[in-house]
Amino acid sequence: MRKIIVVLGSIITLIGIYQTSKYLFDYNQLTQYGKGYILGSVFLTIIGIVFLIVALKIKKRTNKTH
């Protein structure tokens, strides 16, 4: 289960970072739709990072019980 969460978290984080980096420097020139796209990409990145943190905590909990 931990490996699946790590893989999903990594993929989601990389996609979010890629999408954000394409338009981040042109943020002031974007329309409201474009700014929403950037905001969604930032949320995607945050969700991926949360998945990775959860995976690390799962590992710590399983090591304590053994």
N, C-alpha and C. Protein backbone atom coordinates (compact mmCIF):
# COMPACT_ATOMS: atom_id res chain seq x y z
N MET A 1 0.83 -1.19 0.00
CA MET A 1 0.00 0.00 0.00
C MET A 1 0.87 1.25 0.00
N ARG A 2 1.95 1.20 0.76
CA ARG A 2 2.83 2.36 0.87
C ARG A 2 3.46 2.70 -0.48
N LYS A 3 3.85 1.66 -1.22
CA LYS A 3 4.50 1.89 -2.52
C LYS A 3 3.54 2.54 -3.51
N ILE A 4 2.29 2.14 -3.45
CA ILE A 4 1.28 2.73 -4.35
C ILE A 4 1.10 4.21 -4.03
N ILE A 5 1.05 4.55 -2.76
CA ILE A 5 0.88 5.95 -2.35
C ILE A 5 2.11 6.76 -2.76
N VAL A 6 3.30 6.20 -2.64
CA VAL A 6 4.52 6.90 -3.04
C VAL A 6 4.52 7.15 -4.54
N VAL A 7 4.15 6.14 -5.32
CA VAL A 7 4.13 6.30 -6.78
C VAL A 7 3.08 7.34 -7.19
N LEU A 8 1.88 7.23 -6.64
CA LEU A 8 0.83 8.21 -6.96
C LEU A 8 1.24 9.62 -6.54
N GLY A 9 1.78 9.75 -5.35
CA GLY A 9 2.21 11.05 -4.87
C GLY A 9 3.30 11.65 -5.73
N SER A 10 4.23 10.83 -6.16
CA SER A 10 5.31 11.31 -7.02
C SER A 10 4.79 11.76 -8.37
N ILE A 11 3.91 10.97 -8.96
CA ILE A 11 3.36 11.32 -10.27
C ILE A 11 2.53 12.60 -10.18
N ILE A 12 1.67 12.69 -9.18
CA ILE A 12 0.83 13.87 -9.02
C ILE A 12 1.69 15.11 -8.77
N THR A 13 2.72 14.99 -7.94
CA THR A 13 3.59 16.12 -7.66
C THR A 13 4.33 16.57 -8.92
N LEU A 14 4.85 15.64 -9.68
CA LEU A 14 5.57 16.00 -10.91
C LEU A 14 4.66 16.65 -11.94
N ILE A 15 3.45 16.14 -12.09
CA ILE A 15 2.50 16.75 -13.02
C ILE A 15 2.15 18.16 -12.57
N GLY A 16 1.90 18.34 -11.29
CA GLY A 16 1.57 19.66 -10.77
C GLY A 16 2.70 20.66 -10.95
N ILE A 17 3.92 20.23 -10.68
CA ILE A 17 5.08 21.11 -10.83
C ILE A 17 5.26 21.47 -12.30
N TYR A 18 5.11 20.49 -13.19
CA TYR A 18 5.28 20.75 -14.62
C TYR A 18 4.24 21.75 -15.11
N GLN A 19 2.97 21.54 -14.75
CA GLN A 19 1.91 22.44 -15.20
C GLN A 19 2.10 23.84 -14.63
N THR A 20 2.52 23.93 -13.38
CA THR A 20 2.71 25.24 -12.76
C THR A 20 3.88 25.98 -13.39
N SER A 21 4.95 25.26 -13.67
CA SER A 21 6.16 25.92 -14.17
C SER A 21 5.98 26.49 -15.57
N LYS A 22 5.06 25.94 -16.37
CA LYS A 22 4.88 26.42 -17.73
C LYS A 22 4.37 27.86 -17.77
N TYR A 23 3.51 28.23 -16.85
CA TYR A 23 2.85 29.53 -16.92
C TYR A 23 3.09 30.42 -15.71
N LEU A 24 3.86 29.97 -14.75
CA LEU A 24 4.03 30.72 -13.51
C LEU A 24 4.64 32.10 -13.73
N PHE A 25 5.61 32.21 -14.62
CA PHE A 25 6.29 33.49 -14.83
C PHE A 25 5.43 34.48 -15.62
N ASP A 26 4.39 34.01 -16.29
CA ASP A 26 3.47 34.87 -17.03
C ASP A 26 2.16 35.08 -16.26
N TYR A 27 2.19 34.89 -14.96
CA TYR A 27 0.96 34.90 -14.15
C TYR A 27 0.18 36.21 -14.30
N ASN A 28 0.85 37.35 -14.33
CA ASN A 28 0.16 38.65 -14.42
C ASN A 28 -0.51 38.85 -15.77
N GLN A 29 -0.07 38.16 -16.79
CA GLN A 29 -0.63 38.33 -18.12
C GLN A 29 -1.76 37.34 -18.41
N LEU A 30 -2.01 36.42 -17.51
CA LEU A 30 -3.02 35.38 -17.74
C LEU A 30 -4.42 35.91 -17.49
N THR A 31 -5.40 35.29 -18.15
CA THR A 31 -6.80 35.59 -17.90
C THR A 31 -7.21 34.92 -16.58
N GLN A 32 -8.45 35.15 -16.18
CA GLN A 32 -8.94 34.50 -14.96
C GLN A 32 -8.92 32.98 -15.11
N TYR A 33 -9.21 32.51 -16.30
CA TYR A 33 -9.16 31.07 -16.55
C TYR A 33 -7.73 30.55 -16.38
N GLY A 34 -6.77 31.26 -16.90
CA GLY A 34 -5.36 30.86 -16.78
C GLY A 34 -4.90 30.88 -15.34
N LYS A 35 -5.33 31.87 -14.59
CA LYS A 35 -4.96 31.95 -13.18
C LYS A 35 -5.59 30.79 -12.40
N GLY A 36 -6.79 30.41 -12.78
CA GLY A 36 -7.43 29.26 -12.15
C GLY A 36 -6.70 27.96 -12.48
N TYR A 37 -6.18 27.88 -13.69
CA TYR A 37 -5.40 26.71 -14.10
C TYR A 37 -4.14 26.60 -13.24
N ILE A 38 -3.47 27.73 -13.01
CA ILE A 38 -2.28 27.73 -12.17
C ILE A 38 -2.64 27.36 -10.74
N LEU A 39 -3.73 27.92 -10.22
CA LEU A 39 -4.16 27.60 -8.86
C LEU A 39 -4.48 26.11 -8.72
N GLY A 40 -5.14 25.54 -9.70
CA GLY A 40 -5.43 24.11 -9.69
C GLY A 40 -4.16 23.27 -9.72
N SER A 41 -3.18 23.73 -10.49
CA SER A 41 -1.91 23.01 -10.55
C SER A 41 -1.17 23.07 -9.23
N VAL A 42 -1.26 24.20 -8.54
CA VAL A 42 -0.64 24.33 -7.22
C VAL A 42 -1.32 23.38 -6.24
N PHE A 43 -2.65 23.30 -6.29
CA PHE A 43 -3.36 22.36 -5.43
C PHE A 43 -2.98 20.92 -5.75
N LEU A 44 -2.80 20.62 -7.01
CA LEU A 44 -2.38 19.28 -7.43
C LEU A 44 -1.01 18.95 -6.83
N THR A 45 -0.11 19.90 -6.87
CA THR A 45 1.22 19.71 -6.29
C THR A 45 1.12 19.47 -4.79
N ILE A 46 0.31 20.26 -4.12
CA ILE A 46 0.14 20.12 -2.67
C ILE A 46 -0.44 18.74 -2.33
N ILE A 47 -1.42 18.29 -3.09
CA ILE A 47 -2.00 16.97 -2.85
C ILE A 47 -0.96 15.88 -3.02
N GLY A 48 -0.12 15.99 -4.04
CA GLY A 48 0.95 15.01 -4.25
C GLY A 48 1.93 14.99 -3.10
N ILE A 49 2.27 16.16 -2.58
CA ILE A 49 3.19 16.24 -1.45
C ILE A 49 2.56 15.62 -0.20
N VAL A 50 1.28 15.85 -0.02
CA VAL A 50 0.56 15.25 1.13
C VAL A 50 0.59 13.72 1.01
N PHE A 51 0.39 13.20 -0.19
CA PHE A 51 0.48 11.75 -0.38
C PHE A 51 1.85 11.23 0.03
N LEU A 52 2.90 11.94 -0.37
CA LEU A 52 4.25 11.50 -0.02
C LEU A 52 4.49 11.54 1.49
N ILE A 53 3.98 12.57 2.15
CA ILE A 53 4.12 12.67 3.60
C ILE A 53 3.37 11.53 4.29
N VAL A 54 2.16 11.24 3.81
CA VAL A 54 1.38 10.14 4.37
C VAL A 54 2.12 8.82 4.21
N ALA A 55 2.73 8.63 3.05
CA ALA A 55 3.49 7.39 2.82
C ALA A 55 4.66 7.27 3.79
N LEU A 56 5.32 8.38 4.09
CA LEU A 56 6.42 8.34 5.05
C LEU A 56 5.92 8.02 6.45
N LYS A 57 4.77 8.55 6.82
CA LYS A 57 4.21 8.26 8.14
C LYS A 57 3.76 6.82 8.24
N ILE A 58 3.24 6.25 7.17
CA ILE A 58 2.85 4.84 7.18
C ILE A 58 4.07 3.97 7.44
N LYS A 59 5.19 4.31 6.83
CA LYS A 59 6.41 3.55 7.03
C LYS A 59 6.86 3.61 8.48
N LYS A 60 6.80 4.78 9.09
CA LYS A 60 7.22 4.93 10.48
C LYS A 60 6.33 4.12 11.40
N ARG A 61 5.03 4.12 11.15
CA ARG A 61 4.12 3.36 12.00
C ARG A 61 4.36 1.87 11.90
N THR A 62 4.61 1.37 10.70
CA THR A 62 4.82 -0.08 10.54
C THR A 62 6.15 -0.50 11.16
N ASN A 63 7.16 0.36 11.15
CA ASN A 63 8.43 0.02 11.77
C ASN A 63 8.32 -0.04 13.28
N LYS A 64 7.47 0.76 13.88
CA LYS A 64 7.32 0.77 15.33
C LYS A 64 6.62 -0.49 15.84
N THR A 65 5.74 -1.05 15.02
CA THR A 65 4.98 -2.22 15.49
C THR A 65 5.77 -3.51 15.36
N HIS A 66 6.81 -3.54 14.56
CA HIS A 66 7.60 -4.77 14.37
C HIS A 66 8.76 -4.82 15.27
